[in-house]
Amino acid sequence: MLSGKDRGKRGKVARALPTFGRVVVEGLNTVQKRARARKQGQSGEIVTISRAISVSNVKLVCPKCGVAARVGRAIEGEKKLRQCKKCKGTFA
């Protein structure tokens, strides 16, 4: 993550929301939500969930050099691949 309260942290993208330009990253931008008891005798609980953040606040991490990378395109045969601009390592 590039900015905000979780700046510098890394996580896996759980969900992408392309129509809104946002992504949900596991373990980042977490909030606590109170859940009401559903059945009699059951107690309510506090649930921690991850909220969506803007795509402009995240970057891909290069698997080869391990830093946040600018991404380019590379063509191998019939495939188009994402490629790190710094070390030329390809993303899976």
PDB file of N, CA and C in Angstrom:
ATOM      1  N   MET A   1       0.856  -1.172   0.000  1.00  0.00           N
ATOM      2  CA  MET A   1       0.000   0.000   0.000  1.00  0.00           C
ATOM      3  C   MET A   1       0.901   1.234   0.000  1.00  0.00           C
ATOM      4  N   LEU A   2       0.515   2.222  -0.773  1.00  0.00           N
ATOM      5  CA  LEU A   2       1.360   3.394  -0.943  1.00  0.00           C
ATOM      6  C   LEU A   2       1.032   4.535   0.003  1.00  0.00           C
ATOM      7  N   SER A   3      -0.205   4.630   0.445  1.00  0.00           N
ATOM      8  CA  SER A   3      -0.574   5.736   1.335  1.00  0.00           C
ATOM      9  C   SER A   3      -1.681   5.299   2.283  1.00  0.00           C
ATOM     10  N   GLY A   4      -1.917   6.109   3.298  1.00  0.00           N
ATOM     11  CA  GLY A   4      -2.956   5.809   4.271  1.00  0.00           C
ATOM     12  C   GLY A   4      -2.385   5.248   5.553  1.00  0.00           C
ATOM     13  N   LYS A   5      -3.273   4.780   6.415  1.00  0.00           N
ATOM     14  CA  LYS A   5      -2.840   4.299   7.731  1.00  0.00           C
ATOM     15  C   LYS A   5      -2.023   3.016   7.660  1.00  0.00           C
ATOM     16  N   ASP A   6      -2.148   2.259   6.578  1.00  0.00           N
ATOM     17  CA  ASP A   6      -1.411   1.006   6.420  1.00  0.00           C
ATOM     18  C   ASP A   6      -0.282   1.122   5.403  1.00  0.00           C
ATOM     19  N   ARG A   7       0.298   2.312   5.278  1.00  0.00           N
ATOM     20  CA  ARG A   7       1.348   2.555   4.296  1.00  0.00           C
ATOM     21  C   ARG A   7       2.537   1.620   4.522  1.00  0.00           C
ATOM     22  N   GLY A   8       3.038   1.025   3.429  1.00  0.00           N
ATOM     23  CA  GLY A   8       4.199   0.140   3.504  1.00  0.00           C
ATOM     24  C   GLY A   8       3.871  -1.315   3.749  1.00  0.00           C
ATOM     25  N   LYS A   9       2.630  -1.615   4.110  1.00  0.00           N
ATOM     26  CA  LYS A   9       2.243  -3.001   4.374  1.00  0.00           C
ATOM     27  C   LYS A   9       1.893  -3.709   3.072  1.00  0.00           C
ATOM     28  N   ARG A  10       1.998  -5.030   3.106  1.00  0.00           N
ATOM     29  CA  ARG A  10       1.678  -5.846   1.936  1.00  0.00           C
ATOM     30  C   ARG A  10       0.562  -6.810   2.270  1.00  0.00           C
ATOM     31  N   GLY A  11      -0.200  -7.173   1.257  1.00  0.00           N
ATOM     32  CA  GLY A  11      -1.269  -8.141   1.433  1.00  0.00           C
ATOM     33  C   GLY A  11      -1.703  -8.689   0.095  1.00  0.00           C
ATOM     34  N   LYS A  12      -2.555  -9.676   0.147  1.00  0.00           N
ATOM     35  CA  LYS A  12      -3.063 -10.317  -1.062  1.00  0.00           C
ATOM     36  C   LYS A  12      -4.396  -9.692  -1.427  1.00  0.00           C
ATOM     37  N   VAL A  13      -4.612  -9.435  -2.716  1.00  0.00           N
ATOM     38  CA  VAL A  13      -5.871  -8.853  -3.167  1.00  0.00           C
ATOM     39  C   VAL A  13      -6.960  -9.914  -3.054  1.00  0.00           C
ATOM     40  N   ALA A  14      -7.975  -9.619  -2.245  1.00  0.00           N
ATOM     41  CA  ALA A  14      -9.061 -10.566  -2.027  1.00  0.00           C
ATOM     42  C   ALA A  14     -10.155 -10.387  -3.073  1.00  0.00           C
ATOM     43  N   ARG A  15     -10.383  -9.131  -3.476  1.00  0.00           N
ATOM     44  CA  ARG A  15     -11.473  -8.851  -4.410  1.00  0.00           C
ATOM     45  C   ARG A  15     -11.168  -7.579  -5.186  1.00  0.00           C
ATOM     46  N   ALA A  16     -11.493  -7.555  -6.457  1.00  0.00           N
ATOM     47  CA  ALA A  16     -11.322  -6.357  -7.286  1.00  0.00           C
ATOM     48  C   ALA A  16     -12.697  -5.829  -7.674  1.00  0.00           C
ATOM     49  N   LEU A  17     -12.842  -4.518  -7.587  1.00  0.00           N
ATOM     50  CA  LEU A  17     -14.085  -3.847  -7.968  1.00  0.00           C
ATOM     51  C   LEU A  17     -13.771  -2.856  -9.087  1.00  0.00           C
ATOM     52  N   PRO A  18     -13.626  -3.335 -10.340  1.00  0.00           N
ATOM     53  CA  PRO A  18     -13.168  -2.475 -11.426  1.00  0.00           C
ATOM     54  C   PRO A  18     -14.135  -1.346 -11.793  1.00  0.00           C
ATOM     55  N   THR A  19     -15.430  -1.529 -11.582  1.00  0.00           N
ATOM     56  CA  THR A  19     -16.376  -0.466 -11.915  1.00  0.00           C
ATOM     57  C   THR A  19     -16.218   0.736 -10.992  1.00  0.00           C
ATOM     58  N   PHE A  20     -15.742   0.497  -9.762  1.00  0.00           N
ATOM     59  CA  PHE A  20     -15.549   1.571  -8.798  1.00  0.00           C
ATOM     60  C   PHE A  20     -14.080   1.987  -8.680  1.00  0.00           C
ATOM     61  N   GLY A  21     -13.168   1.235  -9.330  1.00  0.00           N
ATOM     62  CA  GLY A  21     -11.744   1.536  -9.258  1.00  0.00           C
ATOM     63  C   GLY A  21     -11.161   1.267  -7.885  1.00  0.00           C
ATOM     64  N   ARG A  22     -11.632   0.198  -7.241  1.00  0.00           N
ATOM     65  CA  ARG A  22     -11.200  -0.120  -5.883  1.00  0.00           C
ATOM     66  C   ARG A  22     -10.842  -1.601  -5.773  1.00  0.00           C
ATOM     67  N   VAL A  23     -10.038  -1.932  -4.763  1.00  0.00           N
ATOM     68  CA  VAL A  23      -9.693  -3.323  -4.463  1.00  0.00           C
ATOM     69  C   VAL A  23      -9.792  -3.554  -2.960  1.00  0.00           C
ATOM     70  N   VAL A  24     -10.044  -4.792  -2.584  1.00  0.00           N
ATOM     71  CA  VAL A  24     -10.045  -5.194  -1.175  1.00  0.00           C
ATOM     72  C   VAL A  24      -8.790  -6.021  -0.961  1.00  0.00           C
ATOM     73  N   VAL A  25      -7.934  -5.588  -0.031  1.00  0.00           N
ATOM     74  CA  VAL A  25      -6.680  -6.281   0.255  1.00  0.00           C
ATOM     75  C   VAL A  25      -6.789  -6.893   1.645  1.00  0.00           C
ATOM     76  N   GLU A  26      -6.462  -8.187   1.752  1.00  0.00           N
ATOM     77  CA  GLU A  26      -6.571  -8.906   3.025  1.00  0.00           C
ATOM     78  C   GLU A  26      -5.656  -8.279   4.072  1.00  0.00           C
ATOM     79  N   GLY A  27      -6.221  -7.956   5.228  1.00  0.00           N
ATOM     80  CA  GLY A  27      -5.446  -7.454   6.347  1.00  0.00           C
ATOM     81  C   GLY A  27      -5.150  -5.962   6.322  1.00  0.00           C
ATOM     82  N   LEU A  28      -5.556  -5.248   5.275  1.00  0.00           N
ATOM     83  CA  LEU A  28      -5.321  -3.809   5.186  1.00  0.00           C
ATOM     84  C   LEU A  28      -6.643  -3.052   5.227  1.00  0.00           C
ATOM     85  N   ASN A  29      -6.594  -1.833   5.742  1.00  0.00           N
ATOM     86  CA  ASN A  29      -7.770  -0.971   5.874  1.00  0.00           C
ATOM     87  C   ASN A  29      -8.887  -1.695   6.622  1.00  0.00           C
ATOM     88  N   THR A  30      -8.547  -2.267   7.761  1.00  0.00           N
ATOM     89  CA  THR A  30      -9.513  -3.036   8.539  1.00  0.00           C
ATOM     90  C   THR A  30     -10.326  -2.133   9.459  1.00  0.00           C
ATOM     91  N   VAL A  31     -11.586  -2.492   9.633  1.00  0.00           N
ATOM     92  CA  VAL A  31     -12.478  -1.808  10.551  1.00  0.00           C
ATOM     93  C   VAL A  31     -13.184  -2.855  11.403  1.00  0.00           C
ATOM     94  N   GLN A  32     -13.623  -2.443  12.576  1.00  0.00           N
ATOM     95  CA  GLN A  32     -14.364  -3.354  13.447  1.00  0.00           C
ATOM     96  C   GLN A  32     -15.846  -3.053  13.325  1.00  0.00           C
ATOM     97  N   LYS A  33     -16.621  -4.103  13.110  1.00  0.00           N
ATOM     98  CA  LYS A  33     -18.057  -3.968  12.932  1.00  0.00           C
ATOM     99  C   LYS A  33     -18.744  -4.796  14.020  1.00  0.00           C
ATOM    100  N   ARG A  34     -19.753  -4.220  14.627  1.00  0.00           N
ATOM    101  CA  ARG A  34     -20.490  -4.936  15.668  1.00  0.00           C
ATOM    102  C   ARG A  34     -21.585  -5.767  15.015  1.00  0.00           C
ATOM    103  N   ALA A  35     -21.613  -7.054  15.321  1.00  0.00           N
ATOM    104  CA  ALA A  35     -22.614  -7.962  14.778  1.00  0.00           C
ATOM    105  C   ALA A  35     -23.644  -8.269  15.863  1.00  0.00           C
ATOM    106  N   ARG A  36     -24.877  -8.130  15.518  1.00  0.00           N
ATOM    107  CA  ARG A  36     -25.970  -8.382  16.455  1.00  0.00           C
ATOM    108  C   ARG A  36     -26.181  -9.882  16.636  1.00  0.00           C
ATOM    109  N   ALA A  37     -26.640 -10.282  17.796  1.00  0.00           N
ATOM    110  CA  ALA A  37     -26.950 -11.692  18.054  1.00  0.00           C
ATOM    111  C   ALA A  37     -28.149 -12.098  17.212  1.00  0.00           C
ATOM    112  N   ARG A  38     -28.065 -13.237  16.565  1.00  0.00           N
ATOM    113  CA  ARG A  38     -29.134 -13.690  15.675  1.00  0.00           C
ATOM    114  C   ARG A  38     -30.155 -14.597  16.365  1.00  0.00           C
ATOM    115  N   LYS A  39     -29.704 -15.362  17.339  1.00  0.00           N
ATOM    116  CA  LYS A  39     -30.607 -16.276  18.036  1.00  0.00           C
ATOM    117  C   LYS A  39     -30.648 -15.911  19.512  1.00  0.00           C
ATOM    118  N   GLN A  40     -31.712 -16.309  20.153  1.00  0.00           N
ATOM    119  CA  GLN A  40     -31.837 -16.043  21.579  1.00  0.00           C
ATOM    120  C   GLN A  40     -30.786 -16.860  22.341  1.00  0.00           C
ATOM    121  N   GLY A  41     -30.118 -16.221  23.273  1.00  0.00           N
ATOM    122  CA  GLY A  41     -29.076 -16.884  24.040  1.00  0.00           C
ATOM    123  C   GLY A  41     -27.694 -16.719  23.423  1.00  0.00           C
ATOM    124  N   GLN A  42     -27.638 -16.297  22.181  1.00  0.00           N
ATOM    125  CA  GLN A  42     -26.359 -16.057  21.517  1.00  0.00           C
ATOM    126  C   GLN A  42     -25.921 -14.620  21.815  1.00  0.00           C
ATOM    127  N   SER A  43     -24.627 -14.416  22.000  1.00  0.00           N
ATOM    128  CA  SER A  43     -24.163 -13.057  22.272  1.00  0.00           C
ATOM    129  C   SER A  43     -23.687 -12.386  20.983  1.00  0.00           C
ATOM    130  N   GLY A  44     -23.738 -11.082  20.989  1.00  0.00           N
ATOM    131  CA  GLY A  44     -23.233 -10.333  19.846  1.00  0.00           C
ATOM    132  C   GLY A  44     -21.718 -10.408  19.816  1.00  0.00           C
ATOM    133  N   GLU A  45     -21.119 -10.017  18.701  1.00  0.00           N
ATOM    134  CA  GLU A  45     -19.673 -10.096  18.580  1.00  0.00           C
ATOM    135  C   GLU A  45     -19.128  -8.914  17.785  1.00  0.00           C
ATOM    136  N   ILE A  46     -17.832  -8.720  17.877  1.00  0.00           N
ATOM    137  CA  ILE A  46     -17.155  -7.685  17.107  1.00  0.00           C
ATOM    138  C   ILE A  46     -16.378  -8.380  15.995  1.00  0.00           C
ATOM    139  N   VAL A  47     -16.655  -8.030  14.751  1.00  0.00           N
ATOM    140  CA  VAL A  47     -16.056  -8.668  13.590  1.00  0.00           C
ATOM    141  C   VAL A  47     -15.106  -7.676  12.915  1.00  0.00           C
ATOM    142  N   THR A  48     -13.914  -8.117  12.558  1.00  0.00           N
ATOM    143  CA  THR A  48     -12.960  -7.282  11.836  1.00  0.00           C
ATOM    144  C   THR A  48     -13.045  -7.605  10.357  1.00  0.00           C
ATOM    145  N   ILE A  49     -13.289  -6.579   9.531  1.00  0.00           N
ATOM    146  CA  ILE A  49     -13.392  -6.771   8.089  1.00  0.00           C
ATOM    147  C   ILE A  49     -12.449  -5.807   7.372  1.00  0.00           C
ATOM    148  N   SER A  50     -12.049  -6.170   6.167  1.00  0.00           N
ATOM    149  CA  SER A  50     -11.211  -5.305   5.340  1.00  0.00           C
ATOM    150  C   SER A  50     -12.103  -4.513   4.397  1.00  0.00           C
ATOM    151  N   ARG A  51     -11.873  -3.213   4.320  1.00  0.00           N
ATOM    152  CA  ARG A  51     -12.660  -2.340   3.447  1.00  0.00           C
ATOM    153  C   ARG A  51     -11.909  -2.109   2.140  1.00  0.00           C
ATOM    154  N   ALA A  52     -12.614  -1.665   1.127  1.00  0.00           N
ATOM    155  CA  ALA A  52     -12.025  -1.407  -0.184  1.00  0.00           C
ATOM    156  C   ALA A  52     -11.177  -0.138  -0.142  1.00  0.00           C
ATOM    157  N   ILE A  53     -10.087  -0.152  -0.923  1.00  0.00           N
ATOM    158  CA  ILE A  53      -9.233   1.022  -1.067  1.00  0.00           C
ATOM    159  C   ILE A  53      -9.052   1.315  -2.551  1.00  0.00           C
ATOM    160  N   SER A  54      -8.661   2.522  -2.857  1.00  0.00           N
ATOM    161  CA  SER A  54      -8.500   2.938  -4.239  1.00  0.00           C
ATOM    162  C   SER A  54      -7.338   2.207  -4.904  1.00  0.00           C
ATOM    163  N   VAL A  55      -7.501   1.906  -6.178  1.00  0.00           N
ATOM    164  CA  VAL A  55      -6.464   1.223  -6.938  1.00  0.00           C
ATOM    165  C   VAL A  55      -5.201   2.075  -7.019  1.00  0.00           C
ATOM    166  N   SER A  56      -5.347   3.396  -6.963  1.00  0.00           N
ATOM    167  CA  SER A  56      -4.182   4.280  -7.057  1.00  0.00           C
ATOM    168  C   SER A  56      -3.299   4.209  -5.819  1.00  0.00           C
ATOM    169  N   ASN A  57      -3.784   3.612  -4.736  1.00  0.00           N
ATOM    170  CA  ASN A  57      -3.003   3.501  -3.501  1.00  0.00           C
ATOM    171  C   ASN A  57      -2.277   2.170  -3.356  1.00  0.00           C
ATOM    172  N   VAL A  58      -2.336   1.312  -4.366  1.00  0.00           N
ATOM    173  CA  VAL A  58      -1.661   0.013  -4.299  1.00  0.00           C
ATOM    174  C   VAL A  58      -0.785  -0.193  -5.526  1.00  0.00           C
ATOM    175  N   LYS A  59       0.230  -1.028  -5.361  1.00  0.00           N
ATOM    176  CA  LYS A  59       1.107  -1.405  -6.465  1.00  0.00           C
ATOM    177  C   LYS A  59       1.396  -2.889  -6.378  1.00  0.00           C
ATOM    178  N   LEU A  60       1.728  -3.493  -7.513  1.00  0.00           N
ATOM    179  CA  LEU A  60       2.135  -4.887  -7.529  1.00  0.00           C
ATOM    180  C   LEU A  60       3.554  -5.010  -6.986  1.00  0.00           C
ATOM    181  N   VAL A  61       3.835  -6.123  -6.329  1.00  0.00           N
ATOM    182  CA  VAL A  61       5.177  -6.392  -5.822  1.00  0.00           C
ATOM    183  C   VAL A  61       5.824  -7.417  -6.749  1.00  0.00           C
ATOM    184  N   CYS A  62       7.006  -7.077  -7.228  1.00  0.00           N
ATOM    185  CA  CYS A  62       7.729  -7.960  -8.152  1.00  0.00           C
ATOM    186  C   CYS A  62       8.189  -9.210  -7.411  1.00  0.00           C
ATOM    187  N   PRO A  63       7.918 -10.403  -7.938  1.00  0.00           N
ATOM    188  CA  PRO A  63       8.341 -11.626  -7.267  1.00  0.00           C
ATOM    189  C   PRO A  63       9.851 -11.848  -7.329  1.00  0.00           C
ATOM    190  N   LYS A  64      10.524 -11.231  -8.302  1.00  0.00           N
ATOM    191  CA  LYS A  64      11.955 -11.432  -8.464  1.00  0.00           C
ATOM    192  C   LYS A  64      12.778 -10.502  -7.565  1.00  0.00           C
ATOM    193  N   CYS A  65      12.492  -9.190  -7.622  1.00  0.00           N
ATOM    194  CA  CYS A  65      13.296  -8.247  -6.836  1.00  0.00           C
ATOM    195  C   CYS A  65      12.624  -7.840  -5.523  1.00  0.00           C
ATOM    196  N   GLY A  66      11.339  -8.114  -5.338  1.00  0.00           N
ATOM    197  CA  GLY A  66      10.662  -7.911  -4.063  1.00  0.00           C
ATOM    198  C   GLY A  66      10.286  -6.482  -3.717  1.00  0.00           C
ATOM    199  N   VAL A  67      10.271  -5.589  -4.693  1.00  0.00           N
ATOM    200  CA  VAL A  67       9.883  -4.195  -4.443  1.00  0.00           C
ATOM    201  C   VAL A  67       8.623  -3.856  -5.229  1.00  0.00           C
ATOM    202  N   ALA A  68       7.956  -2.761  -4.815  1.00  0.00           N
ATOM    203  CA  ALA A  68       6.787  -2.299  -5.551  1.00  0.00           C
ATOM    204  C   ALA A  68       7.251  -1.879  -6.946  1.00  0.00           C
ATOM    205  N   ALA A  69       6.598  -2.400  -7.971  1.00  0.00           N
ATOM    206  CA  ALA A  69       7.112  -2.258  -9.325  1.00  0.00           C
ATOM    207  C   ALA A  69       6.173  -1.488 -10.237  1.00  0.00           C
ATOM    208  N   ARG A  70       6.805  -0.743 -11.158  1.00  0.00           N
ATOM    209  CA  ARG A  70       6.051  -0.229 -12.286  1.00  0.00           C
ATOM    210  C   ARG A  70       5.941  -1.394 -13.259  1.00  0.00           C
ATOM    211  N   VAL A  71       4.820  -1.498 -13.939  1.00  0.00           N
ATOM    212  CA  VAL A  71       4.546  -2.673 -14.750  1.00  0.00           C
ATOM    213  C   VAL A  71       4.496  -2.305 -16.227  1.00  0.00           C
ATOM    214  N   GLY A  72       5.173  -3.132 -17.031  1.00  0.00           N
ATOM    215  CA  GLY A  72       5.137  -2.991 -18.474  1.00  0.00           C
ATOM    216  C   GLY A  72       4.599  -4.269 -19.089  1.00  0.00           C
ATOM    217  N   ARG A  73       4.553  -4.303 -20.409  1.00  0.00           N
ATOM    218  CA  ARG A  73       4.064  -5.490 -21.123  1.00  0.00           C
ATOM    219  C   ARG A  73       5.205  -6.168 -21.862  1.00  0.00           C
ATOM    220  N   ALA A  74       5.200  -7.486 -21.885  1.00  0.00           N
ATOM    221  CA  ALA A  74       6.172  -8.270 -22.639  1.00  0.00           C
ATOM    222  C   ALA A  74       5.398  -9.336 -23.407  1.00  0.00           C
ATOM    223  N   ILE A  75       5.862  -9.654 -24.591  1.00  0.00           N
ATOM    224  CA  ILE A  75       5.204 -10.668 -25.410  1.00  0.00           C
ATOM    225  C   ILE A  75       6.134 -11.865 -25.542  1.00  0.00           C
ATOM    226  N   GLU A  76       5.646 -13.033 -25.109  1.00  0.00           N
ATOM    227  CA  GLU A  76       6.373 -14.284 -25.259  1.00  0.00           C
ATOM    228  C   GLU A  76       5.532 -15.218 -26.103  1.00  0.00           C
ATOM    229  N   GLY A  77       5.905 -15.381 -27.357  1.00  0.00           N
ATOM    230  CA  GLY A  77       5.127 -16.216 -28.267  1.00  0.00           C
ATOM    231  C   GLY A  77       3.752 -15.617 -28.506  1.00  0.00           C
ATOM    232  N   GLU A  78       2.721 -16.312 -28.055  1.00  0.00           N
ATOM    233  CA  GLU A  78       1.342 -15.859 -28.211  1.00  0.00           C
ATOM    234  C   GLU A  78       0.819 -15.125 -26.977  1.00  0.00           C
ATOM    235  N   LYS A  79       1.594 -15.134 -25.876  1.00  0.00           N
ATOM    236  CA  LYS A  79       1.123 -14.593 -24.605  1.00  0.00           C
ATOM    237  C   LYS A  79       1.617 -13.176 -24.361  1.00  0.00           C
ATOM    238  N   LYS A  80       0.751 -12.362 -23.752  1.00  0.00           N
ATOM    239  CA  LYS A  80       1.150 -11.052 -23.241  1.00  0.00           C
ATOM    240  C   LYS A  80       1.348 -11.209 -21.741  1.00  0.00           C
ATOM    241  N   LEU A  81       2.480 -10.785 -21.227  1.00  0.00           N
ATOM    242  CA  LEU A  81       2.789 -10.918 -19.811  1.00  0.00           C
ATOM    243  C   LEU A  81       3.056  -9.553 -19.196  1.00  0.00           C
ATOM    244  N   ARG A  82       2.775  -9.433 -17.894  1.00  0.00           N
ATOM    245  CA  ARG A  82       3.160  -8.230 -17.160  1.00  0.00           C
ATOM    246  C   ARG A  82       4.611  -8.393 -16.746  1.00  0.00           C
ATOM    247  N   GLN A  83       5.380  -7.295 -16.838  1.00  0.00           N
ATOM    248  CA  GLN A  83       6.804  -7.368 -16.592  1.00  0.00           C
ATOM    249  C   GLN A  83       7.254  -6.194 -15.724  1.00  0.00           C
ATOM    250  N   CYS A  84       8.129  -6.462 -14.763  1.00  0.00           N
ATOM    251  CA  CYS A  84       8.706  -5.427 -13.901  1.00  0.00           C
ATOM    252  C   CYS A  84       9.628  -4.551 -14.747  1.00  0.00           C
ATOM    253  N   LYS A  85       9.476  -3.230 -14.644  1.00  0.00           N
ATOM    254  CA  LYS A  85      10.298  -2.312 -15.417  1.00  0.00           C
ATOM    255  C   LYS A  85      11.747  -2.298 -14.937  1.00  0.00           C
ATOM    256  N   LYS A  86      11.964  -2.627 -13.655  1.00  0.00           N
ATOM    257  CA  LYS A  86      13.293  -2.530 -13.069  1.00  0.00           C
ATOM    258  C   LYS A  86      14.170  -3.743 -13.409  1.00  0.00           C
ATOM    259  N   CYS A  87      13.672  -4.938 -13.092  1.00  0.00           N
ATOM    260  CA  CYS A  87      14.511  -6.140 -13.250  1.00  0.00           C
ATOM    261  C   CYS A  87      14.067  -7.035 -14.401  1.00  0.00           C
ATOM    262  N   LYS A  88      13.012  -6.656 -15.107  1.00  0.00           N
ATOM    263  CA  LYS A  88      12.470  -7.433 -16.242  1.00  0.00           C
ATOM    264  C   LYS A  88      11.918  -8.795 -15.836  1.00  0.00           C
ATOM    265  N   GLY A  89      11.611  -8.987 -14.547  1.00  0.00           N
ATOM    266  CA  GLY A  89      10.994 -10.226 -14.086  1.00  0.00           C
ATOM    267  C   GLY A  89       9.517 -10.217 -14.447  1.00  0.00           C
ATOM    268  N   THR A  90       8.970 -11.360 -14.809  1.00  0.00           N
ATOM    269  CA  THR A  90       7.567 -11.432 -15.210  1.00  0.00           C
ATOM    270  C   THR A  90       6.685 -11.860 -14.049  1.00  0.00           C
ATOM    271  N   PHE A  91       5.451 -11.389 -14.068  1.00  0.00           N
ATOM    272  CA  PHE A  91       4.458 -11.754 -13.056  1.00  0.00           C
ATOM    273  C   PHE A  91       3.712 -12.986 -13.531  1.00  0.00           C
ATOM    274  N   ALA A  92       3.272 -13.814 -12.599  1.00  0.00           N
ATOM    275  CA  ALA A  92       2.556 -15.051 -12.951  1.00  0.00           C
ATOM    276  C   ALA A  92       1.188 -14.742 -13.513  1.00  0.00           C
TER     277      ALA A  92
END
